[in-house]
Amino acid sequence: MNLLRRRYLQVAVGAAALAASGRFAVAQTYPVRAVRMIVPFGPGGNADVLGRILAEKLSERTGQKFYIENIGGAGGNIGMGRAALAAADGYTMLVAVPSLVTNPLLYDNVPYDANKSFDPVTLAVSTTIVLALYPGVPARTINDLIALIRAKAGSYNYATAGVGSPGHLLGEKLRQSLDLDLMHIPYNSAALAMVSTIAGHTSMCLAAPAPIVPEVKEGNLRALAVAYPRRLQALPNVPTMAEEGHPEIEFDNWFGIFVPAGTPGEIIAYLNGVIAESMRQPDVKERLVELGFAPVGSTREEFAMQIETELENWAKVIRSAKIRAQ
């Protein structure tokens, strides 16, 4: 993965050398038409929710329409492959999650090269994974749930947005760390995973907070714990895994913006700036925090380093569990 980091850092450092006047200049010529933002998952999931909030604000700030195109399937590979083939002109963006760099570890073939197909723009937000139960499951704490699973081996399962998704990786870490008999039920999106749990088809779901928070507040799901170093403002009464005695069960999930490799550095710098500005707007921050996101708007260098660190951590889980997508 050093090649991946070198690729991202070379692009980031080169673009960072642009003068401020260059960034202002590109703002006069870009964008001049609508910009497509590919979300490589179905509607209603976390990447989709973030993408729509960001597209709305970017449309306001640039005067051109930014719109979402959902291209789901194959754990995000279809949409990411489509983005990789797009023209490197700034008119296609990708809203990506860690699967961008973990999917090559899970699939025999992916339709993009994680090292070469994309240039990073910014880490837009960070978040985590929430463990939420079907209300009929008689557990009020994570330790209650652990006891139930151990007492009835093979009776409990968990839904996620798919094989290799952040929810699946955390579920596998939970299973390995606590030696639990849990079956994974993959869906094509976090929204579908959540709906299956609300209906009682699955015992629990593991997903980022955006689609879960409203359902918890409505009483349709019971959130037991968040895999974060601190409690979420959106779910202040839900403890962290560490508070419940399981500090090793942690997931710092990210949602970032990429463009096809070769996109002009001036455009990347412009997008980085306008997205960071959008993340700082009070109305955007309020909406994101309510959904369990932490607005970031990082530099490209910071994003590149975080990608490498997270990939190294989760590659160990994937290899240990021998996770492979079918």
C-alpha atoms as a PDB file:
ATOM      1  CA  MET A   1       0.000   0.000   0.000  1.00  0.00           C
ATOM      2  CA  ASN A   2       3.006   2.333   0.017  1.00  0.00           C
ATOM      3  CA  LEU A   3       2.370   2.787  -3.703  1.00  0.00           C
ATOM      4  CA  LEU A   4      -1.143   3.982  -2.921  1.00  0.00           C
ATOM      5  CA  ARG A   5       0.128   6.488  -0.408  1.00  0.00           C
ATOM      6  CA  ARG A   6       2.875   7.723  -2.750  1.00  0.00           C
ATOM      7  CA  ARG A   7       0.326   8.197  -5.522  1.00  0.00           C
ATOM      8  CA  TYR A   8      -1.990  10.243  -3.318  1.00  0.00           C
ATOM      9  CA  LEU A   9       0.776  12.261  -1.722  1.00  0.00           C
ATOM     10  CA  GLN A  10       2.385  13.098  -5.056  1.00  0.00           C
ATOM     11  CA  VAL A  11      -0.919  14.460  -6.329  1.00  0.00           C
ATOM     12  CA  ALA A  12      -1.637  16.289  -3.089  1.00  0.00           C
ATOM     13  CA  VAL A  13       1.777  17.888  -2.771  1.00  0.00           C
ATOM     14  CA  GLY A  14       1.825  18.901  -6.429  1.00  0.00           C
ATOM     15  CA  ALA A  15      -1.598  20.515  -6.241  1.00  0.00           C
ATOM     16  CA  ALA A  16      -0.795  22.191  -2.920  1.00  0.00           C
ATOM     17  CA  ALA A  17       1.949  24.119  -4.687  1.00  0.00           C
ATOM     18  CA  LEU A  18      -0.612  26.038  -6.733  1.00  0.00           C
ATOM     19  CA  ALA A  19      -0.754  29.741  -5.954  1.00  0.00           C
ATOM     20  CA  ALA A  20      -3.909  31.218  -4.512  1.00  0.00           C
ATOM     21  CA  SER A  21      -4.325  33.234  -7.696  1.00  0.00           C
ATOM     22  CA  GLY A  22      -4.481  29.990  -9.670  1.00  0.00           C
ATOM     23  CA  ARG A  23      -7.307  28.725  -7.495  1.00  0.00           C
ATOM     24  CA  PHE A  24      -9.226  31.942  -7.982  1.00  0.00           C
ATOM     25  CA  ALA A  25      -8.657  31.725 -11.720  1.00  0.00           C
ATOM     26  CA  VAL A  26     -10.137  28.259 -12.032  1.00  0.00           C
ATOM     27  CA  ALA A  27     -13.164  29.420 -10.061  1.00  0.00           C
ATOM     28  CA  GLN A  28     -13.961  31.689 -13.010  1.00  0.00           C
ATOM     29  CA  THR A  29     -13.970  28.802 -15.506  1.00  0.00           C
ATOM     30  CA  TYR A  30     -15.130  25.789 -13.461  1.00  0.00           C
ATOM     31  CA  PRO A  31     -17.753  24.547 -13.207  1.00  0.00           C
ATOM     32  CA  VAL A  32     -19.626  25.787 -16.235  1.00  0.00           C
ATOM     33  CA  ARG A  33     -22.117  22.897 -16.361  1.00  0.00           C
ATOM     34  CA  ALA A  34     -23.646  20.256 -14.093  1.00  0.00           C
ATOM     35  CA  VAL A  35     -21.329  18.042 -12.050  1.00  0.00           C
ATOM     36  CA  ARG A  36     -22.170  14.388 -11.454  1.00  0.00           C
ATOM     37  CA  MET A  37     -21.468  12.896  -8.018  1.00  0.00           C
ATOM     38  CA  ILE A  38     -21.436   9.097  -8.202  1.00  0.00           C
ATOM     39  CA  VAL A  39     -22.564   7.288  -5.060  1.00  0.00           C
ATOM     40  CA  PRO A  40     -21.608   3.619  -5.567  1.00  0.00           C
ATOM     41  CA  PHE A  41     -24.488   2.368  -3.398  1.00  0.00           C
ATOM     42  CA  GLY A  42     -28.266   2.501  -3.441  1.00  0.00           C
ATOM     43  CA  PRO A  43     -30.382   5.438  -2.264  1.00  0.00           C
ATOM     44  CA  GLY A  44     -30.923   5.995   1.455  1.00  0.00           C
ATOM     45  CA  GLY A  45     -27.555   4.806   2.703  1.00  0.00           C
ATOM     46  CA  ASN A  46     -24.908   6.842   4.456  1.00  0.00           C
ATOM     47  CA  ALA A  47     -22.900   7.808   1.360  1.00  0.00           C
ATOM     48  CA  ASP A  48     -26.124   8.814  -0.382  1.00  0.00           C
ATOM     49  CA  VAL A  49     -27.275  10.973   2.536  1.00  0.00           C
ATOM     50  CA  LEU A  50     -23.921  12.737   2.725  1.00  0.00           C
ATOM     51  CA  GLY A  51     -23.733  13.133  -1.045  1.00  0.00           C
ATOM     52  CA  ARG A  52     -27.124  14.807  -1.229  1.00  0.00           C
ATOM     53  CA  ILE A  53     -26.317  17.249   1.575  1.00  0.00           C
ATOM     54  CA  LEU A  54     -23.035  18.128  -0.087  1.00  0.00           C
ATOM     55  CA  ALA A  55     -24.521  18.353  -3.601  1.00  0.00           C
ATOM     56  CA  GLU A  56     -27.143  20.795  -2.391  1.00  0.00           C
ATOM     57  CA  LYS A  57     -24.567  23.060  -0.759  1.00  0.00           C
ATOM     58  CA  LEU A  58     -22.104  22.884  -3.671  1.00  0.00           C
ATOM     59  CA  SER A  59     -24.907  23.814  -6.060  1.00  0.00           C
ATOM     60  CA  GLU A  60     -25.669  26.873  -3.934  1.00  0.00           C
ATOM     61  CA  ARG A  61     -22.054  27.953  -3.616  1.00  0.00           C
ATOM     62  CA  THR A  62     -20.955  27.437  -7.229  1.00  0.00           C
ATOM     63  CA  GLY A  63     -24.110  28.376  -9.111  1.00  0.00           C
ATOM     64  CA  GLN A  64     -23.986  25.099 -11.058  1.00  0.00           C
ATOM     65  CA  LYS A  65     -25.959  21.953 -10.358  1.00  0.00           C
ATOM     66  CA  PHE A  66     -24.209  19.109  -8.518  1.00  0.00           C
ATOM     67  CA  TYR A  67     -26.362  15.989  -8.675  1.00  0.00           C
ATOM     68  CA  ILE A  68     -26.263  12.438  -7.317  1.00  0.00           C
ATOM     69  CA  GLU A  69     -26.173   9.342  -9.495  1.00  0.00           C
ATOM     70  CA  ASN A  70     -26.632   6.124  -7.522  1.00  0.00           C
ATOM     71  CA  ILE A  71     -24.818   3.196  -9.156  1.00  0.00           C
ATOM     72  CA  GLY A  72     -25.038   0.333  -6.683  1.00  0.00           C
ATOM     73  CA  GLY A  73     -23.988  -3.296  -6.812  1.00  0.00           C
ATOM     74  CA  ALA A  74     -21.014  -5.571  -6.148  1.00  0.00           C
ATOM     75  CA  GLY A  75     -20.092  -3.869  -2.899  1.00  0.00           C
ATOM     76  CA  GLY A  76     -19.658  -0.526  -4.641  1.00  0.00           C
ATOM     77  CA  ASN A  77     -17.427  -1.884  -7.399  1.00  0.00           C
ATOM     78  CA  ILE A  78     -19.801  -1.092 -10.256  1.00  0.00           C
ATOM     79  CA  GLY A  79     -20.142   2.566  -9.340  1.00  0.00           C
ATOM     80  CA  MET A  80     -16.463   2.971  -8.554  1.00  0.00           C
ATOM     81  CA  GLY A  81     -15.574   1.333 -11.857  1.00  0.00           C
ATOM     82  CA  ARG A  82     -17.877   3.734 -13.669  1.00  0.00           C
ATOM     83  CA  ALA A  83     -16.240   6.694 -11.939  1.00  0.00           C
ATOM     84  CA  ALA A  84     -12.768   5.411 -12.855  1.00  0.00           C
ATOM     85  CA  LEU A  85     -13.721   5.432 -16.549  1.00  0.00           C
ATOM     86  CA  ALA A  86     -15.145   8.966 -16.483  1.00  0.00           C
ATOM     87  CA  ALA A  87     -13.383  11.882 -18.114  1.00  0.00           C
ATOM     88  CA  ALA A  88     -10.818  13.516 -15.822  1.00  0.00           C
ATOM     89  CA  ASP A  89     -12.297  16.966 -16.286  1.00  0.00           C
ATOM     90  CA  GLY A  90     -13.840  17.715 -12.899  1.00  0.00           C
ATOM     91  CA  TYR A  91     -17.391  16.909 -13.980  1.00  0.00           C
ATOM     92  CA  THR A  92     -17.481  13.512 -12.289  1.00  0.00           C
ATOM     93  CA  MET A  93     -16.853  13.072  -8.576  1.00  0.00           C
ATOM     94  CA  LEU A  94     -17.005   9.946  -6.437  1.00  0.00           C
ATOM     95  CA  VAL A  95     -18.413   9.771  -2.915  1.00  0.00           C
ATOM     96  CA  ALA A  96     -16.376   6.883  -1.514  1.00  0.00           C
ATOM     97  CA  VAL A  97     -16.024   4.884   1.672  1.00  0.00           C
ATOM     98  CA  PRO A  98     -13.235   2.549   2.873  1.00  0.00           C
ATOM     99  CA  SER A  99     -14.405  -0.160   0.457  1.00  0.00           C
ATOM    100  CA  LEU A 100     -12.656   1.819  -2.290  1.00  0.00           C
ATOM    101  CA  VAL A 101      -9.348   0.502  -0.973  1.00  0.00           C
ATOM    102  CA  THR A 102     -10.479  -2.677   0.823  1.00  0.00           C
ATOM    103  CA  ASN A 103     -12.482  -4.180  -2.064  1.00  0.00           C
ATOM    104  CA  PRO A 104      -9.316  -5.248  -3.949  1.00  0.00           C
ATOM    105  CA  LEU A 105      -8.605  -7.447  -0.910  1.00  0.00           C
ATOM    106  CA  LEU A 106     -12.085  -8.977  -1.093  1.00  0.00           C
ATOM    107  CA  TYR A 107     -12.776  -9.482  -4.796  1.00  0.00           C
ATOM    108  CA  ASP A 108     -10.781 -11.407  -7.359  1.00  0.00           C
ATOM    109  CA  ASN A 109     -11.378  -8.648  -9.892  1.00  0.00           C
ATOM    110  CA  VAL A 110     -12.348  -5.026  -9.417  1.00  0.00           C
ATOM    111  CA  PRO A 111     -13.025  -2.638 -12.331  1.00  0.00           C
ATOM    112  CA  TYR A 112     -10.564  -0.002 -11.134  1.00  0.00           C
ATOM    113  CA  ASP A 113      -7.041   0.263  -9.782  1.00  0.00           C
ATOM    114  CA  ALA A 114      -7.020   1.543  -6.209  1.00  0.00           C
ATOM    115  CA  ASN A 115      -3.471   2.789  -6.704  1.00  0.00           C
ATOM    116  CA  LYS A 116      -3.979   4.614  -9.990  1.00  0.00           C
ATOM    117  CA  SER A 117      -7.626   5.261 -10.875  1.00  0.00           C
ATOM    118  CA  PHE A 118      -8.466   8.130  -8.525  1.00  0.00           C
ATOM    119  CA  ASP A 119      -7.083  11.297  -7.014  1.00  0.00           C
ATOM    120  CA  PRO A 120      -8.297  12.236  -3.515  1.00  0.00           C
ATOM    121  CA  VAL A 121     -10.006  15.569  -2.972  1.00  0.00           C
ATOM    122  CA  THR A 122     -10.873  15.581   0.724  1.00  0.00           C
ATOM    123  CA  LEU A 123     -12.042  13.561   3.689  1.00  0.00           C
ATOM    124  CA  ALA A 124     -15.507  15.104   3.956  1.00  0.00           C
ATOM    125  CA  VAL A 125     -16.747  13.556   7.202  1.00  0.00           C
ATOM    126  CA  SER A 126     -15.830  10.875   9.657  1.00  0.00           C
ATOM    127  CA  THR A 127     -18.260   8.734  11.584  1.00  0.00           C
ATOM    128  CA  THR A 128     -18.500   5.284  13.076  1.00  0.00           C
ATOM    129  CA  ILE A 129     -20.714   2.210  13.176  1.00  0.00           C
ATOM    130  CA  VAL A 130     -23.795   1.824  15.348  1.00  0.00           C
ATOM    131  CA  LEU A 131     -24.970  -1.561  16.586  1.00  0.00           C
ATOM    132  CA  ALA A 132     -28.779  -1.384  16.546  1.00  0.00           C
ATOM    133  CA  LEU A 133     -31.207  -4.167  17.494  1.00  0.00           C
ATOM    134  CA  TYR A 134     -34.635  -5.298  16.417  1.00  0.00           C
ATOM    135  CA  PRO A 135     -36.700  -4.116  19.421  1.00  0.00           C
ATOM    136  CA  GLY A 136     -37.948  -7.641  20.040  1.00  0.00           C
ATOM    137  CA  VAL A 137     -34.451  -8.822  21.003  1.00  0.00           C
ATOM    138  CA  PRO A 138     -34.400  -8.758  24.852  1.00  0.00           C
ATOM    139  CA  ALA A 139     -31.074  -6.984  25.358  1.00  0.00           C
ATOM    140  CA  ARG A 140     -30.553  -3.544  26.874  1.00  0.00           C
ATOM    141  CA  THR A 141     -26.757  -3.439  26.794  1.00  0.00           C
ATOM    142  CA  ILE A 142     -24.043  -4.865  24.578  1.00  0.00           C
ATOM    143  CA  ASN A 143     -23.106  -7.286  27.354  1.00  0.00           C
ATOM    144  CA  ASP A 144     -26.722  -8.476  27.573  1.00  0.00           C
ATOM    145  CA  LEU A 145     -26.527  -9.173  23.847  1.00  0.00           C
ATOM    146  CA  ILE A 146     -23.244 -11.056  24.175  1.00  0.00           C
ATOM    147  CA  ALA A 147     -24.801 -13.249  26.863  1.00  0.00           C
ATOM    148  CA  LEU A 148     -27.831 -13.971  24.660  1.00  0.00           C
ATOM    149  CA  ILE A 149     -25.678 -14.922  21.679  1.00  0.00           C
ATOM    150  CA  ARG A 150     -23.566 -17.256  23.790  1.00  0.00           C
ATOM    151  CA  ALA A 151     -26.641 -18.847  25.383  1.00  0.00           C
ATOM    152  CA  LYS A 152     -28.283 -19.512  21.995  1.00  0.00           C
ATOM    153  CA  ALA A 153     -25.481 -20.288  19.564  1.00  0.00           C
ATOM    154  CA  GLY A 154     -26.496 -19.921  15.925  1.00  0.00           C
ATOM    155  CA  SER A 155     -29.695 -18.012  16.704  1.00  0.00           C
ATOM    156  CA  TYR A 156     -28.504 -14.479  16.019  1.00  0.00           C
ATOM    157  CA  ASN A 157     -27.427 -12.667  12.876  1.00  0.00           C
ATOM    158  CA  TYR A 158     -26.542  -9.168  11.763  1.00  0.00           C
ATOM    159  CA  ALA A 159     -27.357  -7.202   8.623  1.00  0.00           C
ATOM    160  CA  THR A 160     -24.938  -4.903   6.809  1.00  0.00           C
ATOM    161  CA  ALA A 161     -24.600  -3.005   3.539  1.00  0.00           C
ATOM    162  CA  GLY A 162     -22.694  -5.924   2.026  1.00  0.00           C
ATOM    163  CA  VAL A 163     -19.647  -8.169   2.118  1.00  0.00           C
ATOM    164  CA  GLY A 164     -16.605  -6.132   3.076  1.00  0.00           C
ATOM    165  CA  SER A 165     -18.650  -3.082   4.072  1.00  0.00           C
ATOM    166  CA  PRO A 166     -17.599  -1.197   7.228  1.00  0.00           C
ATOM    167  CA  GLY A 167     -20.460  -2.853   9.099  1.00  0.00           C
ATOM    168  CA  HIS A 168     -19.281  -6.296   8.004  1.00  0.00           C
ATOM    169  CA  LEU A 169     -15.682  -5.582   8.974  1.00  0.00           C
ATOM    170  CA  LEU A 170     -16.749  -4.377  12.410  1.00  0.00           C
ATOM    171  CA  GLY A 171     -19.094  -7.354  12.803  1.00  0.00           C
ATOM    172  CA  GLU A 172     -16.237  -9.687  11.999  1.00  0.00           C
ATOM    173  CA  LYS A 173     -14.022  -7.914  14.513  1.00  0.00           C
ATOM    174  CA  LEU A 174     -16.787  -8.281  17.097  1.00  0.00           C
ATOM    175  CA  ARG A 175     -17.156 -11.977  16.312  1.00  0.00           C
ATOM    176  CA  GLN A 176     -13.422 -12.649  16.421  1.00  0.00           C
ATOM    177  CA  SER A 177     -12.657 -10.586  19.505  1.00  0.00           C
ATOM    178  CA  LEU A 178     -15.490 -11.991  21.614  1.00  0.00           C
ATOM    179  CA  ASP A 179     -15.681 -15.486  20.077  1.00  0.00           C
ATOM    180  CA  LEU A 180     -19.346 -15.160  19.111  1.00  0.00           C
ATOM    181  CA  ASP A 181     -21.480 -17.361  16.882  1.00  0.00           C
ATOM    182  CA  LEU A 182     -22.971 -14.706  14.594  1.00  0.00           C
ATOM    183  CA  MET A 183     -24.164 -15.048  11.001  1.00  0.00           C
ATOM    184  CA  HIS A 184     -23.617 -12.214   8.549  1.00  0.00           C
ATOM    185  CA  ILE A 185     -26.551 -11.253   6.286  1.00  0.00           C
ATOM    186  CA  PRO A 186     -25.354  -8.889   3.520  1.00  0.00           C
ATOM    187  CA  TYR A 187     -27.650  -6.483   1.685  1.00  0.00           C
ATOM    188  CA  ASN A 188     -27.054  -4.086  -1.189  1.00  0.00           C
ATOM    189  CA  SER A 189     -27.295  -0.962   0.966  1.00  0.00           C
ATOM    190  CA  ALA A 190     -27.326   0.179   4.580  1.00  0.00           C
ATOM    191  CA  ALA A 191     -30.945   1.242   4.133  1.00  0.00           C
ATOM    192  CA  LEU A 192     -32.018  -2.293   3.177  1.00  0.00           C
ATOM    193  CA  ALA A 193     -30.027  -3.771   6.066  1.00  0.00           C
ATOM    194  CA  MET A 194     -31.766  -1.413   8.452  1.00  0.00           C
ATOM    195  CA  VAL A 195     -35.235  -2.187   7.041  1.00  0.00           C
ATOM    196  CA  SER A 196     -34.626  -5.922   7.489  1.00  0.00           C
ATOM    197  CA  THR A 197     -33.830  -5.367  11.160  1.00  0.00           C
ATOM    198  CA  ILE A 198     -36.817  -3.094  11.736  1.00  0.00           C
ATOM    199  CA  ALA A 199     -38.998  -5.869  10.288  1.00  0.00           C
ATOM    200  CA  GLY A 200     -37.377  -8.501  12.501  1.00  0.00           C
ATOM    201  CA  HIS A 201     -35.874 -10.481   9.624  1.00  0.00           C
ATOM    202  CA  THR A 202     -32.432  -9.930  11.177  1.00  0.00           C
ATOM    203  CA  SER A 203     -31.511  -9.578  14.830  1.00  0.00           C
ATOM    204  CA  MET A 204     -29.414  -6.453  14.456  1.00  0.00           C
ATOM    205  CA  CYS A 205     -27.761  -4.184  11.933  1.00  0.00           C
ATOM    206  CA  LEU A 206     -24.333  -2.599  11.856  1.00  0.00           C
ATOM    207  CA  ALA A 207     -24.159   0.623   9.879  1.00  0.00           C
ATOM    208  CA  ALA A 208     -23.059   4.236  10.018  1.00  0.00           C
ATOM    209  CA  PRO A 209     -25.467   6.461  11.946  1.00  0.00           C
ATOM    210  CA  ALA A 210     -27.171   8.470   9.173  1.00  0.00           C
ATOM    211  CA  PRO A 211     -30.075   6.092   8.390  1.00  0.00           C
ATOM    212  CA  ILE A 212     -30.171   4.594  11.898  1.00  0.00           C
ATOM    213  CA  VAL A 213     -30.482   7.722  14.047  1.00  0.00           C
ATOM    214  CA  PRO A 214     -34.023   8.675  12.921  1.00  0.00           C
ATOM    215  CA  GLU A 215     -35.250   5.099  13.407  1.00  0.00           C
ATOM    216  CA  VAL A 216     -33.766   4.927  16.901  1.00  0.00           C
ATOM    217  CA  LYS A 217     -35.468   8.196  17.819  1.00  0.00           C
ATOM    218  CA  GLU A 218     -38.774   6.816  16.483  1.00  0.00           C
ATOM    219  CA  GLY A 219     -38.367   3.627  18.521  1.00  0.00           C
ATOM    220  CA  ASN A 220     -38.089   1.364  15.480  1.00  0.00           C
ATOM    221  CA  LEU A 221     -34.569   0.254  16.436  1.00  0.00           C
ATOM    222  CA  ARG A 222     -32.719   0.049  19.762  1.00  0.00           C
ATOM    223  CA  ALA A 223     -29.132   1.306  19.592  1.00  0.00           C
ATOM    224  CA  LEU A 224     -26.863  -0.513  22.031  1.00  0.00           C
ATOM    225  CA  ALA A 225     -23.411   0.911  21.360  1.00  0.00           C
ATOM    226  CA  VAL A 226     -21.279   2.992  19.020  1.00  0.00           C
ATOM    227  CA  ALA A 227     -17.801   1.910  17.928  1.00  0.00           C
ATOM    228  CA  TYR A 228     -16.249   5.337  18.492  1.00  0.00           C
ATOM    229  CA  PRO A 229     -13.849   6.801  21.075  1.00  0.00           C
ATOM    230  CA  ARG A 230     -16.626   9.152  22.223  1.00  0.00           C
ATOM    231  CA  ARG A 231     -20.406   9.238  22.253  1.00  0.00           C
ATOM    232  CA  LEU A 232     -22.222  10.676  19.266  1.00  0.00           C
ATOM    233  CA  GLN A 233     -24.024  13.977  19.692  1.00  0.00           C
ATOM    234  CA  ALA A 234     -26.848  12.449  17.666  1.00  0.00           C
ATOM    235  CA  LEU A 235     -27.190   9.553  20.160  1.00  0.00           C
ATOM    236  CA  PRO A 236     -25.994  10.999  23.480  1.00  0.00           C
ATOM    237  CA  ASN A 237     -27.513   8.226  25.592  1.00  0.00           C
ATOM    238  CA  VAL A 238     -25.883   5.395  23.643  1.00  0.00           C
ATOM    239  CA  PRO A 239     -22.563   4.290  25.186  1.00  0.00           C
ATOM    240  CA  THR A 240     -19.362   3.559  23.329  1.00  0.00           C
ATOM    241  CA  MET A 241     -18.026   0.033  23.061  1.00  0.00           C
ATOM    242  CA  ALA A 242     -15.140   1.141  25.285  1.00  0.00           C
ATOM    243  CA  GLU A 243     -17.542   2.306  27.986  1.00  0.00           C
ATOM    244  CA  GLU A 244     -19.124  -1.140  27.893  1.00  0.00           C
ATOM    245  CA  GLY A 245     -15.748  -2.792  28.421  1.00  0.00           C
ATOM    246  CA  HIS A 246     -14.769  -3.517  24.807  1.00  0.00           C
ATOM    247  CA  PRO A 247     -12.291  -0.813  23.688  1.00  0.00           C
ATOM    248  CA  GLU A 248     -10.924  -3.045  20.926  1.00  0.00           C
ATOM    249  CA  ILE A 249     -14.262  -2.841  19.057  1.00  0.00           C
ATOM    250  CA  GLU A 250     -13.743   0.488  17.344  1.00  0.00           C
ATOM    251  CA  PHE A 251     -14.278   1.834  13.838  1.00  0.00           C
ATOM    252  CA  ASP A 252     -13.386   5.316  12.646  1.00  0.00           C
ATOM    253  CA  ASN A 253     -15.312   5.311   9.388  1.00  0.00           C
ATOM    254  CA  TRP A 254     -14.663   7.875   6.644  1.00  0.00           C
ATOM    255  CA  PHE A 255     -16.535   9.272   3.683  1.00  0.00           C
ATOM    256  CA  GLY A 256     -14.341  10.989   1.148  1.00  0.00           C
ATOM    257  CA  ILE A 257     -14.491  12.693  -2.212  1.00  0.00           C
ATOM    258  CA  PHE A 258     -12.381  11.513  -5.155  1.00  0.00           C
ATOM    259  CA  VAL A 259     -12.083  12.425  -8.833  1.00  0.00           C
ATOM    260  CA  PRO A 260     -10.773  10.355 -11.762  1.00  0.00           C
ATOM    261  CA  ALA A 261      -6.977  10.291 -11.906  1.00  0.00           C
ATOM    262  CA  GLY A 262      -5.538  13.012 -14.089  1.00  0.00           C
ATOM    263  CA  THR A 263      -8.095  15.650 -13.133  1.00  0.00           C
ATOM    264  CA  PRO A 264      -6.280  19.031 -13.307  1.00  0.00           C
ATOM    265  CA  GLY A 265      -4.693  20.007 -10.023  1.00  0.00           C
ATOM    266  CA  GLU A 266      -6.335  23.423 -10.150  1.00  0.00           C
ATOM    267  CA  ILE A 267      -9.772  21.810 -10.194  1.00  0.00           C
ATOM    268  CA  ILE A 268      -8.871  19.438  -7.342  1.00  0.00           C
ATOM    269  CA  ALA A 269      -7.624  22.398  -5.281  1.00  0.00           C
ATOM    270  CA  TYR A 270     -10.803  24.344  -6.049  1.00  0.00           C
ATOM    271  CA  LEU A 271     -13.051  21.418  -5.046  1.00  0.00           C
ATOM    272  CA  ASN A 272     -11.048  20.848  -1.876  1.00  0.00           C
ATOM    273  CA  GLY A 273     -11.547  24.478  -0.909  1.00  0.00           C
ATOM    274  CA  VAL A 274     -15.231  24.751  -1.709  1.00  0.00           C
ATOM    275  CA  ILE A 275     -16.053  21.453   0.034  1.00  0.00           C
ATOM    276  CA  ALA A 276     -14.090  22.516   3.140  1.00  0.00           C
ATOM    277  CA  GLU A 277     -15.982  25.810   3.136  1.00  0.00           C
ATOM    278  CA  SER A 278     -19.276  23.930   2.826  1.00  0.00           C
ATOM    279  CA  MET A 279     -18.376  21.676   5.753  1.00  0.00           C
ATOM    280  CA  ARG A 280     -17.885  24.788   7.902  1.00  0.00           C
ATOM    281  CA  GLN A 281     -21.313  26.265   7.205  1.00  0.00           C
ATOM    282  CA  PRO A 282     -23.516  26.189  10.336  1.00  0.00           C
ATOM    283  CA  ASP A 283     -26.523  24.675   8.552  1.00  0.00           C
ATOM    284  CA  VAL A 284     -24.406  21.876   7.047  1.00  0.00           C
ATOM    285  CA  LYS A 285     -22.627  21.158  10.333  1.00  0.00           C
ATOM    286  CA  GLU A 286     -25.951  21.004  12.166  1.00  0.00           C
ATOM    287  CA  ARG A 287     -27.499  18.576   9.670  1.00  0.00           C
ATOM    288  CA  LEU A 288     -24.441  16.332   9.628  1.00  0.00           C
ATOM    289  CA  VAL A 289     -24.056  16.242  13.414  1.00  0.00           C
ATOM    290  CA  GLU A 290     -27.747  15.376  13.808  1.00  0.00           C
ATOM    291  CA  LEU A 291     -27.092  12.319  11.634  1.00  0.00           C
ATOM    292  CA  GLY A 292     -23.978  11.231  13.518  1.00  0.00           C
ATOM    293  CA  PHE A 293     -21.356  12.609  11.124  1.00  0.00           C
ATOM    294  CA  ALA A 294     -18.362  14.707  12.184  1.00  0.00           C
ATOM    295  CA  PRO A 295     -17.600  17.292   9.465  1.00  0.00           C
ATOM    296  CA  VAL A 296     -13.909  17.353   8.519  1.00  0.00           C
ATOM    297  CA  GLY A 297     -13.003  18.843   5.134  1.00  0.00           C
ATOM    298  CA  SER A 298      -9.354  17.727   5.396  1.00  0.00           C
ATOM    299  CA  THR A 299      -6.354  18.470   3.241  1.00  0.00           C
ATOM    300  CA  ARG A 300      -5.500  15.861   0.635  1.00  0.00           C
ATOM    301  CA  GLU A 301      -2.281  14.990   2.470  1.00  0.00           C
ATOM    302  CA  GLU A 302      -4.167  14.223   5.687  1.00  0.00           C
ATOM    303  CA  PHE A 303      -6.690  12.133   3.795  1.00  0.00           C
ATOM    304  CA  ALA A 304      -3.971  10.104   2.069  1.00  0.00           C
ATOM    305  CA  MET A 305      -2.318   9.234   5.363  1.00  0.00           C
ATOM    306  CA  GLN A 306      -5.604   8.228   7.003  1.00  0.00           C
ATOM    307  CA  ILE A 307      -6.446   5.944   4.077  1.00  0.00           C
ATOM    308  CA  GLU A 308      -3.160   4.102   4.482  1.00  0.00           C
ATOM    309  CA  THR A 309      -3.548   3.699   8.254  1.00  0.00           C
ATOM    310  CA  GLU A 310      -7.110   2.404   8.052  1.00  0.00           C
ATOM    311  CA  LEU A 311      -6.287   0.019   5.232  1.00  0.00           C
ATOM    312  CA  GLU A 312      -3.440  -1.566   7.168  1.00  0.00           C
ATOM    313  CA  ASN A 313      -5.707  -2.099  10.190  1.00  0.00           C
ATOM    314  CA  TRP A 314      -8.610  -3.664   8.309  1.00  0.00           C
ATOM    315  CA  ALA A 315      -6.471  -5.720   5.964  1.00  0.00           C
ATOM    316  CA  LYS A 316      -5.491  -7.755   9.037  1.00  0.00           C
ATOM    317  CA  VAL A 317      -9.154  -8.421   9.879  1.00  0.00           C
ATOM    318  CA  ILE A 318      -9.977  -9.385   6.293  1.00  0.00           C
ATOM    319  CA  ARG A 319      -7.065 -11.793   6.021  1.00  0.00           C
ATOM    320  CA  SER A 320      -7.616 -13.300   9.473  1.00  0.00           C
ATOM    321  CA  ALA A 321     -11.291 -13.971   8.759  1.00  0.00           C
ATOM    322  CA  LYS A 322     -10.579 -15.023   5.166  1.00  0.00           C
ATOM    323  CA  ILE A 323     -13.370 -12.762   3.962  1.00  0.00           C
ATOM    324  CA  ARG A 324     -13.989 -13.083   0.247  1.00  0.00           C
ATOM    325  CA  ALA A 325     -16.819 -11.631  -1.794  1.00  0.00           C
ATOM    326  CA  GLN A 326     -18.682 -14.079  -3.980  1.00  0.00           C
END
